[in-house]
Every structure is written in C-alpha cells, then in structure tokens.
C-alpha atoms as a PDB file:
ATOM      1  CA  MET A   1      -8.670  44.123  42.821  1.00  0.00           C
ATOM      2  CA  GLU A   2      -9.347  40.402  43.074  1.00  0.00           C
ATOM      3  CA  ALA A   3     -12.925  39.281  42.575  1.00  0.00           C
ATOM      4  CA  ARG A   4     -14.747  37.813  45.541  1.00  0.00           C
ATOM      5  CA  LYS A   5     -15.996  34.263  45.214  1.00  0.00           C
ATOM      6  CA  SER A   6     -19.634  35.357  45.414  1.00  0.00           C
ATOM      7  CA  ASP A   7     -19.021  37.856  42.588  1.00  0.00           C
ATOM      8  CA  LEU A   8     -17.619  35.096  40.391  1.00  0.00           C
ATOM      9  CA  TYR A   9     -20.682  32.916  40.919  1.00  0.00           C
ATOM     10  CA  ALA A  10     -22.999  35.870  40.259  1.00  0.00           C
ATOM     11  CA  ARG A  11     -21.617  36.295  36.740  1.00  0.00           C
ATOM     12  CA  ASP A  12     -23.616  35.149  33.734  1.00  0.00           C
ATOM     13  CA  LEU A  13     -21.354  32.913  31.639  1.00  0.00           C
ATOM     14  CA  ARG A  14     -23.687  32.271  28.701  1.00  0.00           C
ATOM     15  CA  GLU A  15     -21.488  34.443  26.485  1.00  0.00           C
ATOM     16  CA  ALA A  16     -18.143  33.327  27.962  1.00  0.00           C
ATOM     17  CA  HIS A  17     -15.380  32.209  25.596  1.00  0.00           C
ATOM     18  CA  TRP A  18     -14.634  28.613  26.602  1.00  0.00           C
ATOM     19  CA  ILE A  19     -11.354  26.949  25.619  1.00  0.00           C
ATOM     20  CA  LYS A  20     -11.108  23.167  25.606  1.00  0.00           C
ATOM     21  CA  SER A  21      -8.039  21.656  27.228  1.00  0.00           C
ATOM     22  CA  SER A  22      -5.544  20.169  24.773  1.00  0.00           C
ATOM     23  CA  LYS A  23      -5.432  17.161  27.121  1.00  0.00           C
ATOM     24  CA  SER A  24      -9.182  16.576  26.662  1.00  0.00           C
ATOM     25  CA  THR A  25      -9.073  15.226  23.127  1.00  0.00           C
ATOM     26  CA  THR A  26      -9.783  11.586  23.964  1.00  0.00           C
ATOM     27  CA  GLY A  27     -11.791   9.755  26.550  1.00  0.00           C
ATOM     28  CA  PRO A  28     -14.959  10.642  28.408  1.00  0.00           C
ATOM     29  CA  TYR A  29     -13.519  13.535  30.411  1.00  0.00           C
ATOM     30  CA  CYS A  30     -13.394  16.920  28.700  1.00  0.00           C
ATOM     31  CA  VAL A  31     -12.589  20.161  30.476  1.00  0.00           C
ATOM     32  CA  GLU A  32     -13.079  23.729  29.273  1.00  0.00           C
ATOM     33  CA  VAL A  33     -11.806  26.931  30.885  1.00  0.00           C
ATOM     34  CA  ALA A  34     -13.079  30.505  30.532  1.00  0.00           C
ATOM     35  CA  GLU A  35     -11.130  33.535  31.700  1.00  0.00           C
ATOM     36  CA  LEU A  36     -13.244  35.819  33.877  1.00  0.00           C
ATOM     37  CA  GLY A  37     -10.806  38.712  34.149  1.00  0.00           C
ATOM     38  CA  ASP A  38      -8.227  39.656  36.770  1.00  0.00           C
ATOM     39  CA  GLY A  39      -6.850  36.094  36.678  1.00  0.00           C
ATOM     40  CA  ALA A  40     -10.109  34.432  37.744  1.00  0.00           C
ATOM     41  CA  VAL A  41     -11.364  31.439  35.751  1.00  0.00           C
ATOM     42  CA  ALA A  42     -14.363  29.165  35.371  1.00  0.00           C
ATOM     43  CA  ILE A  43     -14.083  25.463  34.553  1.00  0.00           C
ATOM     44  CA  ARG A  44     -16.782  23.202  33.162  1.00  0.00           C
ATOM     45  CA  ASP A  45     -17.288  19.701  31.835  1.00  0.00           C
ATOM     46  CA  SER A  46     -17.678  20.132  28.094  1.00  0.00           C
ATOM     47  CA  ASN A  47     -19.684  16.900  27.873  1.00  0.00           C
ATOM     48  CA  ASN A  48     -22.219  18.212  30.407  1.00  0.00           C
ATOM     49  CA  LYS A  49     -22.469  21.937  29.733  1.00  0.00           C
ATOM     50  CA  ASP A  50     -25.731  22.221  31.656  1.00  0.00           C
ATOM     51  CA  LEU A  51     -23.933  21.367  34.905  1.00  0.00           C
ATOM     52  CA  PRO A  52     -22.721  24.342  36.952  1.00  0.00           C
ATOM     53  CA  SER A  53     -19.191  25.526  36.336  1.00  0.00           C
ATOM     54  CA  LEU A  54     -16.591  25.777  39.064  1.00  0.00           C
ATOM     55  CA  ARG A  55     -15.173  29.267  39.544  1.00  0.00           C
ATOM     56  CA  PHE A  56     -11.824  30.192  41.005  1.00  0.00           C
ATOM     57  CA  THR A  57     -10.264  33.463  42.088  1.00  0.00           C
ATOM     58  CA  ALA A  58      -6.858  34.347  40.680  1.00  0.00           C
ATOM     59  CA  GLU A  59      -5.218  33.237  43.922  1.00  0.00           C
ATOM     60  CA  GLU A  60      -7.016  29.879  43.947  1.00  0.00           C
ATOM     61  CA  TRP A  61      -6.241  29.246  40.278  1.00  0.00           C
ATOM     62  CA  ALA A  62      -2.562  30.112  40.738  1.00  0.00           C
ATOM     63  CA  ALA A  63      -2.290  27.725  43.708  1.00  0.00           C
ATOM     64  CA  PHE A  64      -3.913  24.915  41.692  1.00  0.00           C
ATOM     65  CA  ARG A  65      -1.768  25.599  38.613  1.00  0.00           C
ATOM     66  CA  ASP A  66       1.414  25.674  40.688  1.00  0.00           C
ATOM     67  CA  GLY A  67       0.414  22.439  42.406  1.00  0.00           C
ATOM     68  CA  VAL A  68      -0.046  20.711  39.047  1.00  0.00           C
ATOM     69  CA  ARG A  69       3.314  21.975  37.828  1.00  0.00           C
ATOM     70  CA  ASN A  70       4.989  20.779  41.029  1.00  0.00           C
ATOM     71  CA  GLY A  71       3.475  17.293  40.732  1.00  0.00           C
ATOM     72  CA  GLU A  72       1.333  17.578  43.868  1.00  0.00           C
ATOM     73  CA  PHE A  73      -1.606  15.705  42.325  1.00  0.00           C
ATOM     74  CA  GLY A  74       0.183  12.810  40.645  1.00  0.00           C
END
C-alpha cells in the first residue's frame, strides 16, 4: 500500500539513513536522499540539514526519475 503524502510528512527522519548523490561532490548544491519504504523517498539539502526535507510517494518519485532519464528537465 502506497503511503499518503500526509503520512510521509508525519514521519520523524532524525534516524533516517541519508545517501549523498554522486553528482553532489562539487559546488554549492548537495542533495541527499533517504528511502522511506514502499518506494517513497525524502530529499534534503545536505548543506542546510535544518531545512525541511521534501517527501515523495513512490508514484511521484518514479515519475520524476523517469522524467530525468527521458531528458524532460534538460
């Protein structure tokens, strides 16, 4: 069952396992992703960890990922 958006934002992510993007090694922009289960993810700015993370359902994340792979944002 896919998590609802409100459920994702209700989760406490203080103990989440964050993975830094391999594309975030240089420059001022660094992105980290944490898996939330069932395909949902959270994304945060690793330079500003006190800012709120963005959270995406599995469906939203898949649509974004497919768009990147298809060159929709370039």
